Amino acid sequence: MNNKENQIKSFFIKSTRIISVLIISLGIASCSSDMYAEPELTNNEIYGLWTDTIKTTEGRYVYNLTFRPNGTFLSTTLGLGFYDKQEENEMSFYSDEQGNYVQSARNIYFLSKNTTEWDAFKNQPPVSNDTSKVIFESCSYEIIIDTLTLKYISYPADAPELTTRKYIRKTQQPD
């Protein structure tokens, strides 16, 4: 009987060790996945209208970016005073991108569903096209007080370039 008791005791100790190793492994695995989780997101800080204005020697660009609580966005570019005999605030051209965005704590993914363009030089009505394209590629963002900074990849001369644009909050939409 002594031998049988030793076998049971040995089995019990081995089983306890295996269970202990499994419990510790599960505990470590669950902690490590939390380490890489993004902080909890409060979406309402980005909702509303954001604007950036850039003056050049030819005219002025006004970039507007609107985030809505339903996950849609509107990105517009206005060109003012670019053509001869135009007043400083007269619209020279216009384009917009409308679509959906998905936001995480550090990144925003923009998918444009519709593009509209108009140019005073062409003297034609605006042209609107359904699209399905990513804009502001690989976009990260940061909000500090009323400044939204986007960092994304653009292609100004067919070569990727990291671009930074800073928008100022104009209005905030309710949740």
N, C-alpha and C. Protein backbone atom coordinates (compact mmCIF):
# COMPACT_ATOMS: atom_id res chain seq x y z
N MET A 1 0.79 -1.19 0.00
CA MET A 1 0.00 0.00 0.00
C MET A 1 0.84 1.27 0.00
N ASN A 2 1.95 1.15 0.58
CA ASN A 2 2.85 2.27 0.65
C ASN A 2 3.26 2.73 -0.74
N ASN A 3 3.49 1.79 -1.65
CA ASN A 3 3.86 2.11 -3.03
C ASN A 3 2.70 2.79 -3.75
N LYS A 4 1.48 2.30 -3.51
CA LYS A 4 0.31 2.90 -4.14
C LYS A 4 0.10 4.32 -3.63
N GLU A 5 0.32 4.56 -2.35
CA GLU A 5 0.17 5.90 -1.77
C GLU A 5 1.20 6.85 -2.40
N ASN A 6 2.40 6.36 -2.59
CA ASN A 6 3.45 7.18 -3.20
C ASN A 6 3.11 7.55 -4.65
N GLN A 7 2.51 6.59 -5.37
CA GLN A 7 2.11 6.86 -6.76
C GLN A 7 1.01 7.93 -6.79
N ILE A 8 0.04 7.82 -5.90
CA ILE A 8 -1.05 8.80 -5.84
C ILE A 8 -0.48 10.17 -5.46
N LYS A 9 0.39 10.20 -4.49
CA LYS A 9 1.01 11.45 -4.04
C LYS A 9 1.81 12.09 -5.18
N SER A 10 2.58 11.27 -5.88
CA SER A 10 3.38 11.75 -7.01
C SER A 10 2.49 12.30 -8.11
N PHE A 11 1.41 11.59 -8.42
CA PHE A 11 0.45 12.05 -9.44
C PHE A 11 -0.17 13.37 -9.03
N PHE A 12 -0.55 13.50 -7.77
CA PHE A 12 -1.17 14.71 -7.26
C PHE A 12 -0.19 15.89 -7.37
N ILE A 13 1.06 15.71 -7.03
CA ILE A 13 2.06 16.78 -7.09
C ILE A 13 2.31 17.19 -8.54
N LYS A 14 2.45 16.23 -9.44
CA LYS A 14 2.65 16.54 -10.86
C LYS A 14 1.46 17.29 -11.43
N SER A 15 0.24 16.83 -11.10
CA SER A 15 -0.98 17.50 -11.59
C SER A 15 -1.05 18.93 -11.06
N THR A 16 -0.70 19.11 -9.80
CA THR A 16 -0.73 20.45 -9.21
C THR A 16 0.27 21.36 -9.90
N ARG A 17 1.44 20.86 -10.21
CA ARG A 17 2.46 21.65 -10.91
C ARG A 17 1.97 22.06 -12.31
N ILE A 18 1.40 21.10 -13.03
CA ILE A 18 0.91 21.39 -14.38
C ILE A 18 -0.20 22.43 -14.34
N ILE A 19 -1.13 22.27 -13.42
CA ILE A 19 -2.24 23.24 -13.30
C ILE A 19 -1.69 24.61 -12.91
N SER A 20 -0.70 24.65 -12.02
CA SER A 20 -0.10 25.92 -11.61
C SER A 20 0.56 26.63 -12.79
N VAL A 21 1.31 25.87 -13.59
CA VAL A 21 1.96 26.43 -14.77
C VAL A 21 0.92 26.96 -15.75
N LEU A 22 -0.17 26.24 -15.96
CA LEU A 22 -1.24 26.71 -16.86
C LEU A 22 -1.89 27.99 -16.35
N ILE A 23 -2.16 28.05 -15.06
CA ILE A 23 -2.80 29.25 -14.49
C ILE A 23 -1.86 30.45 -14.63
N ILE A 24 -0.58 30.26 -14.32
CA ILE A 24 0.38 31.37 -14.44
C ILE A 24 0.50 31.80 -15.90
N SER A 25 0.56 30.85 -16.84
CA SER A 25 0.65 31.19 -18.26
C SER A 25 -0.56 31.97 -18.73
N LEU A 26 -1.74 31.55 -18.32
CA LEU A 26 -2.96 32.28 -18.70
C LEU A 26 -2.96 33.69 -18.12
N GLY A 27 -2.48 33.81 -16.89
CA GLY A 27 -2.41 35.13 -16.26
C GLY A 27 -1.46 36.06 -17.01
N ILE A 28 -0.31 35.54 -17.39
CA ILE A 28 0.66 36.35 -18.13
C ILE A 28 0.11 36.70 -19.51
N ALA A 29 -0.51 35.76 -20.18
CA ALA A 29 -1.07 36.02 -21.51
C ALA A 29 -2.15 37.08 -21.46
N SER A 30 -3.00 37.04 -20.45
CA SER A 30 -4.07 38.03 -20.37
C SER A 30 -3.51 39.41 -20.05
N CYS A 31 -2.45 39.50 -19.27
CA CYS A 31 -1.84 40.79 -18.97
C CYS A 31 -1.15 41.36 -20.20
N SER A 32 -0.46 40.54 -20.96
CA SER A 32 0.29 41.06 -22.09
C SER A 32 -0.62 41.63 -23.17
N SER A 33 -1.81 41.05 -23.37
CA SER A 33 -2.70 41.61 -24.38
C SER A 33 -3.24 42.96 -23.94
N ASP A 34 -3.40 43.18 -22.63
CA ASP A 34 -3.87 44.47 -22.13
C ASP A 34 -2.81 45.55 -22.32
N MET A 35 -1.54 45.16 -22.30
CA MET A 35 -0.48 46.15 -22.44
C MET A 35 -0.53 46.83 -23.80
N TYR A 36 -1.03 46.16 -24.84
CA TYR A 36 -1.06 46.72 -26.18
C TYR A 36 -2.42 47.28 -26.56
N ALA A 37 -3.38 47.22 -25.65
CA ALA A 37 -4.71 47.76 -25.94
C ALA A 37 -4.63 49.28 -25.98
N GLU A 38 -5.39 49.88 -26.88
CA GLU A 38 -5.40 51.33 -26.98
C GLU A 38 -6.25 51.91 -25.85
N PRO A 39 -5.95 53.12 -25.41
CA PRO A 39 -6.76 53.72 -24.35
C PRO A 39 -8.20 53.88 -24.81
N GLU A 40 -9.09 53.93 -23.84
CA GLU A 40 -10.50 54.07 -24.18
C GLU A 40 -10.72 55.39 -24.91
N LEU A 41 -11.57 55.36 -25.91
CA LEU A 41 -11.78 56.49 -26.79
C LEU A 41 -13.02 57.27 -26.40
N THR A 42 -12.91 58.59 -26.39
CA THR A 42 -14.08 59.44 -26.22
C THR A 42 -14.28 60.16 -27.55
N ASN A 43 -15.17 59.63 -28.37
CA ASN A 43 -15.37 60.13 -29.73
C ASN A 43 -15.76 61.59 -29.79
N ASN A 44 -16.48 62.08 -28.81
CA ASN A 44 -17.05 63.41 -28.95
C ASN A 44 -16.02 64.53 -29.07
N GLU A 45 -14.77 64.30 -28.72
CA GLU A 45 -13.79 65.37 -28.83
C GLU A 45 -13.46 65.73 -30.28
N ILE A 46 -13.74 64.86 -31.22
CA ILE A 46 -13.40 65.14 -32.62
C ILE A 46 -14.59 65.66 -33.43
N TYR A 47 -15.80 65.46 -32.92
CA TYR A 47 -16.99 65.88 -33.66
C TYR A 47 -16.98 67.39 -33.91
N GLY A 48 -17.42 67.79 -35.10
CA GLY A 48 -17.55 69.20 -35.39
C GLY A 48 -16.75 69.62 -36.61
N LEU A 49 -16.61 70.94 -36.77
CA LEU A 49 -15.93 71.54 -37.92
C LEU A 49 -14.54 72.02 -37.52
N TRP A 50 -13.55 71.62 -38.32
CA TRP A 50 -12.16 72.01 -38.13
C TRP A 50 -11.68 72.71 -39.40
N THR A 51 -10.87 73.77 -39.28
CA THR A 51 -10.45 74.56 -40.44
C THR A 51 -8.95 74.85 -40.40
N ASP A 52 -8.35 74.85 -41.60
CA ASP A 52 -6.96 75.24 -41.78
C ASP A 52 -6.92 76.17 -42.99
N THR A 53 -6.23 77.29 -42.87
CA THR A 53 -6.10 78.25 -43.97
C THR A 53 -4.63 78.46 -44.29
N ILE A 54 -4.31 78.38 -45.59
CA ILE A 54 -2.93 78.58 -46.04
C ILE A 54 -2.93 79.66 -47.12
N LYS A 55 -2.19 80.73 -46.87
CA LYS A 55 -2.06 81.82 -47.85
C LYS A 55 -0.82 81.57 -48.70
N THR A 56 -0.97 81.76 -50.01
CA THR A 56 0.16 81.67 -50.93
C THR A 56 0.22 82.98 -51.71
N THR A 57 1.23 83.12 -52.55
CA THR A 57 1.33 84.34 -53.36
C THR A 57 0.23 84.39 -54.41
N GLU A 58 -0.31 83.23 -54.80
CA GLU A 58 -1.35 83.18 -55.83
C GLU A 58 -2.76 83.36 -55.27
N GLY A 59 -2.99 82.94 -54.03
CA GLY A 59 -4.32 82.99 -53.45
C GLY A 59 -4.31 82.34 -52.07
N ARG A 60 -5.50 81.86 -51.65
CA ARG A 60 -5.63 81.29 -50.32
C ARG A 60 -6.39 79.97 -50.38
N TYR A 61 -5.88 78.96 -49.70
CA TYR A 61 -6.56 77.67 -49.55
C TYR A 61 -7.25 77.64 -48.20
N VAL A 62 -8.49 77.16 -48.20
CA VAL A 62 -9.21 76.94 -46.95
C VAL A 62 -9.61 75.47 -46.93
N TYR A 63 -9.09 74.75 -45.93
CA TYR A 63 -9.38 73.33 -45.77
C TYR A 63 -10.35 73.17 -44.60
N ASN A 64 -11.49 72.56 -44.85
CA ASN A 64 -12.47 72.30 -43.79
C ASN A 64 -12.63 70.79 -43.64
N LEU A 65 -12.75 70.33 -42.42
CA LEU A 65 -12.95 68.92 -42.14
C LEU A 65 -14.03 68.81 -41.07
N THR A 66 -15.13 68.16 -41.42
CA THR A 66 -16.25 67.99 -40.49
C THR A 66 -16.40 66.52 -40.14
N PHE A 67 -16.45 66.24 -38.83
CA PHE A 67 -16.71 64.90 -38.33
C PHE A 67 -18.09 64.88 -37.70
N ARG A 68 -18.90 63.92 -38.10
CA ARG A 68 -20.25 63.78 -37.54
C ARG A 68 -20.30 62.55 -36.63
N PRO A 69 -21.18 62.58 -35.61
CA PRO A 69 -21.28 61.45 -34.68
C PRO A 69 -21.70 60.14 -35.34
N ASN A 70 -22.31 60.19 -36.52
CA ASN A 70 -22.76 58.96 -37.19
C ASN A 70 -21.65 58.28 -37.99
N GLY A 71 -20.39 58.77 -37.87
CA GLY A 71 -19.27 58.13 -38.56
C GLY A 71 -19.04 58.63 -39.97
N THR A 72 -19.66 59.76 -40.34
CA THR A 72 -19.43 60.33 -41.66
C THR A 72 -18.58 61.60 -41.53
N PHE A 73 -17.91 61.93 -42.64
CA PHE A 73 -17.08 63.13 -42.66
C PHE A 73 -17.31 63.88 -43.97
N LEU A 74 -16.91 65.15 -43.97
CA LEU A 74 -16.89 65.98 -45.16
C LEU A 74 -15.58 66.75 -45.12
N SER A 75 -14.76 66.58 -46.16
CA SER A 75 -13.49 67.28 -46.29
C SER A 75 -13.60 68.19 -47.50
N THR A 76 -13.46 69.51 -47.31
CA THR A 76 -13.56 70.44 -48.42
C THR A 76 -12.27 71.24 -48.57
N THR A 77 -11.98 71.58 -49.81
CA THR A 77 -10.87 72.47 -50.13
C THR A 77 -11.43 73.61 -50.97
N LEU A 78 -11.24 74.82 -50.50
CA LEU A 78 -11.66 76.01 -51.25
C LEU A 78 -10.41 76.75 -51.69
N GLY A 79 -10.41 77.21 -52.93
CA GLY A 79 -9.34 78.07 -53.43
C GLY A 79 -9.94 79.45 -53.63
N LEU A 80 -9.37 80.46 -53.00
CA LEU A 80 -9.92 81.82 -53.07
C LEU A 80 -8.92 82.78 -53.68
N GLY A 81 -9.39 83.58 -54.65
CA GLY A 81 -8.57 84.63 -55.25
C GLY A 81 -7.39 84.16 -56.08
N PHE A 82 -7.47 83.02 -56.69
CA PHE A 82 -6.34 82.47 -57.45
C PHE A 82 -6.26 83.01 -58.89
N TYR A 83 -7.37 83.43 -59.47
CA TYR A 83 -7.37 83.82 -60.89
C TYR A 83 -7.33 85.33 -61.04
N ASP A 84 -6.77 85.77 -62.19
CA ASP A 84 -6.70 87.20 -62.49
C ASP A 84 -8.08 87.83 -62.39
N LYS A 85 -8.10 89.06 -61.92
CA LYS A 85 -9.31 89.87 -61.79
C LYS A 85 -10.29 89.32 -60.76
N GLN A 86 -9.84 88.41 -59.89
CA GLN A 86 -10.70 87.92 -58.81
C GLN A 86 -10.38 88.69 -57.54
N GLU A 87 -11.43 88.91 -56.75
CA GLU A 87 -11.25 89.50 -55.43
C GLU A 87 -10.58 88.48 -54.52
N GLU A 88 -10.02 88.94 -53.43
CA GLU A 88 -9.29 88.09 -52.50
C GLU A 88 -10.16 86.95 -51.95
N ASN A 89 -11.44 87.22 -51.70
CA ASN A 89 -12.33 86.20 -51.13
C ASN A 89 -13.24 85.54 -52.16
N GLU A 90 -12.99 85.77 -53.44
CA GLU A 90 -13.81 85.17 -54.49
C GLU A 90 -13.35 83.73 -54.74
N MET A 91 -14.32 82.81 -54.81
CA MET A 91 -13.98 81.40 -54.97
C MET A 91 -13.45 81.11 -56.37
N SER A 92 -12.28 80.48 -56.41
CA SER A 92 -11.66 80.08 -57.68
C SER A 92 -11.96 78.63 -58.01
N PHE A 93 -11.90 77.79 -57.00
CA PHE A 93 -12.20 76.37 -57.20
C PHE A 93 -12.65 75.76 -55.87
N TYR A 94 -13.23 74.58 -55.98
CA TYR A 94 -13.80 73.90 -54.82
C TYR A 94 -13.72 72.40 -55.06
N SER A 95 -13.41 71.65 -54.01
CA SER A 95 -13.52 70.19 -54.09
C SER A 95 -13.93 69.68 -52.72
N ASP A 96 -14.65 68.58 -52.73
CA ASP A 96 -14.97 67.95 -51.45
C ASP A 96 -14.94 66.45 -51.57
N GLU A 97 -14.71 65.82 -50.45
CA GLU A 97 -14.72 64.36 -50.31
C GLU A 97 -15.70 64.07 -49.17
N GLN A 98 -16.66 63.18 -49.43
CA GLN A 98 -17.61 62.77 -48.41
C GLN A 98 -17.52 61.27 -48.24
N GLY A 99 -17.65 60.80 -47.01
CA GLY A 99 -17.61 59.37 -46.80
C GLY A 99 -17.70 59.01 -45.35
N ASN A 100 -17.06 57.90 -45.00
CA ASN A 100 -17.10 57.38 -43.65
C ASN A 100 -15.71 57.38 -43.04
N TYR A 101 -15.67 57.50 -41.72
CA TYR A 101 -14.40 57.40 -41.01
C TYR A 101 -14.55 56.41 -39.86
N VAL A 102 -13.43 55.77 -39.54
CA VAL A 102 -13.36 54.89 -38.38
C VAL A 102 -12.22 55.42 -37.53
N GLN A 103 -12.52 55.65 -36.28
CA GLN A 103 -11.57 56.29 -35.39
C GLN A 103 -11.16 55.34 -34.27
N SER A 104 -9.86 55.29 -34.00
CA SER A 104 -9.35 54.61 -32.80
C SER A 104 -8.74 55.70 -31.92
N ALA A 105 -8.07 55.31 -30.89
CA ALA A 105 -7.51 56.31 -29.97
C ALA A 105 -6.39 57.13 -30.61
N ARG A 106 -5.75 56.60 -31.65
CA ARG A 106 -4.61 57.31 -32.26
C ARG A 106 -4.72 57.49 -33.77
N ASN A 107 -5.60 56.76 -34.42
CA ASN A 107 -5.67 56.77 -35.88
C ASN A 107 -7.09 57.00 -36.37
N ILE A 108 -7.16 57.50 -37.60
CA ILE A 108 -8.45 57.65 -38.28
C ILE A 108 -8.29 57.08 -39.68
N TYR A 109 -9.25 56.27 -40.07
CA TYR A 109 -9.29 55.70 -41.42
C TYR A 109 -10.42 56.41 -42.16
N PHE A 110 -10.11 57.05 -43.29
CA PHE A 110 -11.08 57.79 -44.08
C PHE A 110 -11.35 57.03 -45.39
N LEU A 111 -12.62 56.77 -45.67
CA LEU A 111 -13.01 56.18 -46.95
C LEU A 111 -13.98 57.12 -47.63
N SER A 112 -13.52 57.74 -48.72
CA SER A 112 -14.35 58.66 -49.48
C SER A 112 -15.34 57.88 -50.34
N LYS A 113 -16.60 58.31 -50.30
CA LYS A 113 -17.65 57.66 -51.10
C LYS A 113 -18.10 58.55 -52.26
N ASN A 114 -17.82 59.86 -52.15
CA ASN A 114 -18.26 60.80 -53.19
C ASN A 114 -17.29 61.97 -53.25
N THR A 115 -16.98 62.39 -54.48
CA THR A 115 -16.11 63.53 -54.72
C THR A 115 -16.84 64.53 -55.59
N THR A 116 -16.76 65.80 -55.23
CA THR A 116 -17.34 66.87 -56.05
C THR A 116 -16.25 67.90 -56.32
N GLU A 117 -16.16 68.35 -57.59
CA GLU A 117 -15.17 69.36 -57.96
C GLU A 117 -15.81 70.44 -58.82
N TRP A 118 -15.32 71.66 -58.65
CA TRP A 118 -15.77 72.79 -59.45
C TRP A 118 -14.60 73.74 -59.60
N ASP A 119 -14.48 74.36 -60.79
CA ASP A 119 -13.41 75.31 -61.05
C ASP A 119 -13.99 76.46 -61.87
N ALA A 120 -13.84 77.69 -61.35
CA ALA A 120 -14.37 78.88 -62.04
C ALA A 120 -13.74 79.05 -63.42
N PHE A 121 -12.50 78.65 -63.60
CA PHE A 121 -11.81 78.79 -64.86
C PHE A 121 -12.51 78.00 -65.97
N LYS A 122 -13.06 76.84 -65.63
CA LYS A 122 -13.74 76.00 -66.62
C LYS A 122 -15.14 76.49 -66.96
N ASN A 123 -15.71 77.32 -66.09
CA ASN A 123 -17.04 77.91 -66.32
C ASN A 123 -18.09 76.82 -66.60
N GLN A 124 -18.06 75.74 -65.80
CA GLN A 124 -19.00 74.64 -65.92
C GLN A 124 -19.57 74.31 -64.54
N PRO A 125 -20.71 73.62 -64.49
CA PRO A 125 -21.27 73.26 -63.19
C PRO A 125 -20.37 72.24 -62.47
N PRO A 126 -20.54 72.10 -61.14
CA PRO A 126 -19.74 71.12 -60.39
C PRO A 126 -19.95 69.71 -60.92
N VAL A 127 -18.89 68.91 -60.84
CA VAL A 127 -18.94 67.50 -61.27
C VAL A 127 -18.81 66.64 -60.02
N SER A 128 -19.77 65.72 -59.86
CA SER A 128 -19.78 64.84 -58.71
C SER A 128 -19.63 63.39 -59.17
N ASN A 129 -18.78 62.64 -58.46
CA ASN A 129 -18.53 61.24 -58.82
C ASN A 129 -18.57 60.36 -57.57
N ASP A 130 -19.21 59.20 -57.69
CA ASP A 130 -19.14 58.21 -56.63
C ASP A 130 -17.77 57.56 -56.67
N THR A 131 -17.17 57.40 -55.51
CA THR A 131 -15.85 56.81 -55.43
C THR A 131 -15.81 55.80 -54.28
N SER A 132 -14.72 55.16 -54.15
CA SER A 132 -14.43 54.32 -53.00
C SER A 132 -12.92 54.33 -52.84
N LYS A 133 -12.42 55.40 -52.22
CA LYS A 133 -10.97 55.53 -52.11
C LYS A 133 -10.59 56.03 -50.72
N VAL A 134 -9.42 55.61 -50.30
CA VAL A 134 -8.88 56.04 -49.01
C VAL A 134 -8.23 57.40 -49.20
N ILE A 135 -8.55 58.33 -48.31
CA ILE A 135 -7.87 59.62 -48.30
C ILE A 135 -7.17 59.76 -46.95
N PHE A 136 -6.24 60.67 -46.85
CA PHE A 136 -5.42 60.82 -45.65
C PHE A 136 -4.84 59.45 -45.27
N GLU A 137 -4.12 58.85 -46.19
CA GLU A 137 -3.59 57.49 -46.02
C GLU A 137 -2.71 57.38 -44.77
N SER A 138 -2.84 56.29 -44.04
CA SER A 138 -2.07 56.00 -42.82
C SER A 138 -2.13 57.17 -41.85
N CYS A 139 -3.32 57.63 -41.58
CA CYS A 139 -3.53 58.86 -40.81
C CYS A 139 -3.53 58.63 -39.30
N SER A 140 -2.68 59.38 -38.61
CA SER A 140 -2.73 59.43 -37.16
C SER A 140 -3.19 60.84 -36.78
N TYR A 141 -3.70 60.97 -35.57
CA TYR A 141 -4.18 62.29 -35.16
C TYR A 141 -3.88 62.54 -33.69
N GLU A 142 -3.94 63.83 -33.35
CA GLU A 142 -3.79 64.26 -31.96
C GLU A 142 -4.61 65.53 -31.79
N ILE A 143 -5.32 65.62 -30.69
CA ILE A 143 -6.08 66.84 -30.37
C ILE A 143 -5.50 67.42 -29.09
N ILE A 144 -5.06 68.67 -29.20
CA ILE A 144 -4.60 69.40 -28.03
C ILE A 144 -5.41 70.69 -27.98
N ILE A 145 -6.22 70.80 -26.98
CA ILE A 145 -7.17 71.90 -26.77
C ILE A 145 -8.06 72.00 -28.02
N ASP A 146 -7.92 73.03 -28.84
CA ASP A 146 -8.77 73.19 -30.03
C ASP A 146 -7.97 73.05 -31.32
N THR A 147 -6.88 72.29 -31.29
CA THR A 147 -6.06 72.04 -32.48
C THR A 147 -6.03 70.55 -32.77
N LEU A 148 -6.44 70.21 -33.98
CA LEU A 148 -6.40 68.83 -34.46
C LEU A 148 -5.22 68.71 -35.42
N THR A 149 -4.28 67.83 -35.12
CA THR A 149 -3.12 67.61 -35.98
C THR A 149 -3.28 66.25 -36.65
N LEU A 150 -3.28 66.25 -37.99
CA LEU A 150 -3.30 65.01 -38.75
C LEU A 150 -1.93 64.80 -39.36
N LYS A 151 -1.45 63.56 -39.29
CA LYS A 151 -0.21 63.17 -39.97
C LYS A 151 -0.58 62.01 -40.87
N TYR A 152 -0.30 62.16 -42.16
CA TYR A 152 -0.73 61.16 -43.13
C TYR A 152 0.21 61.15 -44.32
N ILE A 153 0.04 60.14 -45.17
CA ILE A 153 0.84 60.02 -46.37
C ILE A 153 0.09 60.68 -47.53
N SER A 154 0.76 61.57 -48.25
CA SER A 154 0.19 62.16 -49.46
C SER A 154 1.15 61.89 -50.62
N TYR A 155 0.67 62.15 -51.81
CA TYR A 155 1.46 61.88 -53.02
C TYR A 155 1.50 63.14 -53.90
N PRO A 156 2.23 64.18 -53.47
CA PRO A 156 2.23 65.43 -54.23
C PRO A 156 2.89 65.33 -55.60
N ALA A 157 3.87 64.47 -55.75
CA ALA A 157 4.57 64.33 -57.04
C ALA A 157 4.77 62.85 -57.33
N ASP A 158 3.74 62.07 -57.10
CA ASP A 158 3.77 60.62 -57.31
C ASP A 158 4.78 59.89 -56.45
N ALA A 159 5.24 60.53 -55.38
CA ALA A 159 6.11 59.87 -54.42
C ALA A 159 5.50 60.09 -53.04
N PRO A 160 5.45 59.06 -52.22
CA PRO A 160 4.84 59.24 -50.90
C PRO A 160 5.60 60.24 -50.04
N GLU A 161 4.84 61.06 -49.33
CA GLU A 161 5.44 62.08 -48.48
C GLU A 161 4.61 62.20 -47.21
N LEU A 162 5.27 62.22 -46.04
CA LEU A 162 4.57 62.42 -44.79
C LEU A 162 4.11 63.87 -44.73
N THR A 163 2.83 64.06 -44.52
CA THR A 163 2.24 65.39 -44.51
C THR A 163 1.62 65.64 -43.14
N THR A 164 1.76 66.85 -42.65
CA THR A 164 1.14 67.26 -41.38
C THR A 164 0.23 68.44 -41.67
N ARG A 165 -0.98 68.36 -41.19
CA ARG A 165 -1.92 69.47 -41.32
C ARG A 165 -2.54 69.75 -39.96
N LYS A 166 -2.57 71.01 -39.58
CA LYS A 166 -3.16 71.41 -38.31
C LYS A 166 -4.44 72.18 -38.56
N TYR A 167 -5.52 71.69 -37.98
CA TYR A 167 -6.83 72.31 -38.08
C TYR A 167 -7.19 72.95 -36.74
N ILE A 168 -7.93 74.04 -36.80
CA ILE A 168 -8.44 74.71 -35.62
C ILE A 168 -9.94 74.43 -35.52
N ARG A 169 -10.40 74.11 -34.31
CA ARG A 169 -11.83 73.82 -34.11
C ARG A 169 -12.64 75.10 -34.33
N LYS A 170 -13.68 74.98 -35.17
CA LYS A 170 -14.60 76.10 -35.39
C LYS A 170 -15.92 75.87 -34.65
N THR A 171 -16.45 74.66 -34.72
CA THR A 171 -17.67 74.33 -33.97
C THR A 171 -17.56 72.90 -33.48
N GLN A 172 -18.27 72.62 -32.40
CA GLN A 172 -18.31 71.25 -31.88
C GLN A 172 -19.76 70.79 -31.92
N GLN A 173 -19.97 69.60 -32.46
CA GLN A 173 -21.31 69.05 -32.54
C GLN A 173 -21.61 68.28 -31.27
N PRO A 174 -22.87 68.27 -30.85
CA PRO A 174 -23.23 67.49 -29.66
C PRO A 174 -23.14 65.99 -29.95
N ASP A 175 -23.01 65.20 -28.89
CA ASP A 175 -22.95 63.73 -29.03
C ASP A 175 -24.17 63.17 -29.69
